[in-house]
Amino acid sequence: MSEEKQDVIWVNGNRVRWREGMKLADLAAKFGYLYLAVVDGTVVPFKDHKTYEIPQGAQIRLVHLIDGG
């Protein structure tokens, strides 16, 4: 595995620097919104975002949650 793959995850098609122990909640802080998270094709429940560790090289899709009326 190349060093580049180890240090990068993909979020909505954009390269983001990965670090060991990174959680989905860290991405919420970075992007500043609530979201549905799909990691490597699997939906991760919102209740697990604070504890779910993002694997190296993960493909992540964040979908904005919108409130309306």
Protein backbone atom coordinates (compact mmCIF):
# COMPACT_ATOMS: atom_id res chain seq x y z
CA MET A 1 0.00 0.00 0.00
CA SER A 2 1.42 3.35 -0.97
CA GLU A 3 2.03 6.08 1.60
CA GLU A 4 -0.44 8.31 -0.29
CA LYS A 5 -3.29 5.80 0.12
CA GLN A 6 -2.53 5.46 3.83
CA ASP A 7 -2.75 9.22 4.42
CA VAL A 8 -5.89 9.96 2.39
CA ILE A 9 -9.61 9.29 2.54
CA TRP A 10 -12.13 10.40 -0.04
CA VAL A 11 -15.11 12.48 1.10
CA ASN A 12 -17.74 13.19 -1.55
CA GLY A 13 -15.03 12.68 -4.18
CA ASN A 14 -12.56 15.07 -2.52
CA ARG A 15 -9.22 14.08 -1.04
CA VAL A 16 -9.03 14.61 2.73
CA ARG A 17 -5.98 13.92 4.86
CA TRP A 18 -6.54 10.83 7.03
CA ARG A 19 -5.06 10.23 10.48
CA GLU A 20 -5.15 7.15 12.65
CA GLY A 21 -8.10 7.20 15.05
CA MET A 22 -10.05 9.71 12.93
CA LYS A 23 -13.80 9.52 13.66
CA LEU A 24 -16.81 10.45 11.56
CA ALA A 25 -17.60 13.14 14.15
CA ASP A 26 -14.24 14.76 13.22
CA LEU A 27 -15.58 15.25 9.70
CA ALA A 28 -18.70 16.95 11.11
CA ALA A 29 -16.42 19.46 12.84
CA LYS A 30 -14.42 19.96 9.63
CA PHE A 31 -17.43 20.38 7.33
CA GLY A 32 -19.76 21.99 9.89
CA TYR A 33 -23.04 20.20 9.25
CA LEU A 34 -25.17 17.21 10.22
CA TYR A 35 -25.12 14.39 7.72
CA LEU A 36 -25.87 10.83 6.79
CA ALA A 37 -22.56 8.96 6.39
CA VAL A 38 -21.90 6.10 4.00
CA VAL A 39 -18.45 4.52 4.40
CA ASP A 40 -17.31 2.09 1.71
CA GLY A 41 -20.95 1.47 0.74
CA THR A 42 -22.28 0.95 4.29
CA VAL A 43 -24.49 3.45 6.14
CA VAL A 44 -23.05 4.25 9.57
CA PRO A 45 -25.80 5.12 12.10
CA PHE A 46 -25.61 8.67 13.46
CA LYS A 47 -25.33 7.30 17.02
CA ASP A 48 -21.99 5.71 16.04
CA HIS A 49 -20.36 8.78 14.46
CA LYS A 50 -18.44 9.70 17.65
CA THR A 51 -16.89 6.23 17.95
CA TYR A 52 -16.66 4.95 14.35
CA GLU A 53 -13.01 4.98 13.24
CA ILE A 54 -12.53 5.75 9.58
CA PRO A 55 -10.35 3.13 7.87
CA GLN A 56 -7.36 4.05 5.70
CA GLY A 57 -8.28 4.79 2.11
CA ALA A 58 -12.02 4.89 2.87
CA GLN A 59 -14.54 6.17 0.35
CA ILE A 60 -17.03 8.31 2.29
CA ARG A 61 -20.23 9.93 1.11
CA LEU A 62 -21.70 12.63 3.36
CA VAL A 63 -25.28 13.66 2.65
CA HIS A 64 -26.56 16.91 4.19
CA LEU A 65 -29.58 16.59 6.44
CA ILE A 66 -32.01 19.35 5.58
CA ASP A 67 -34.83 20.64 7.77
CA GLY A 68 -37.69 22.27 5.97
CA GLY A 69 -41.33 22.94 6.06
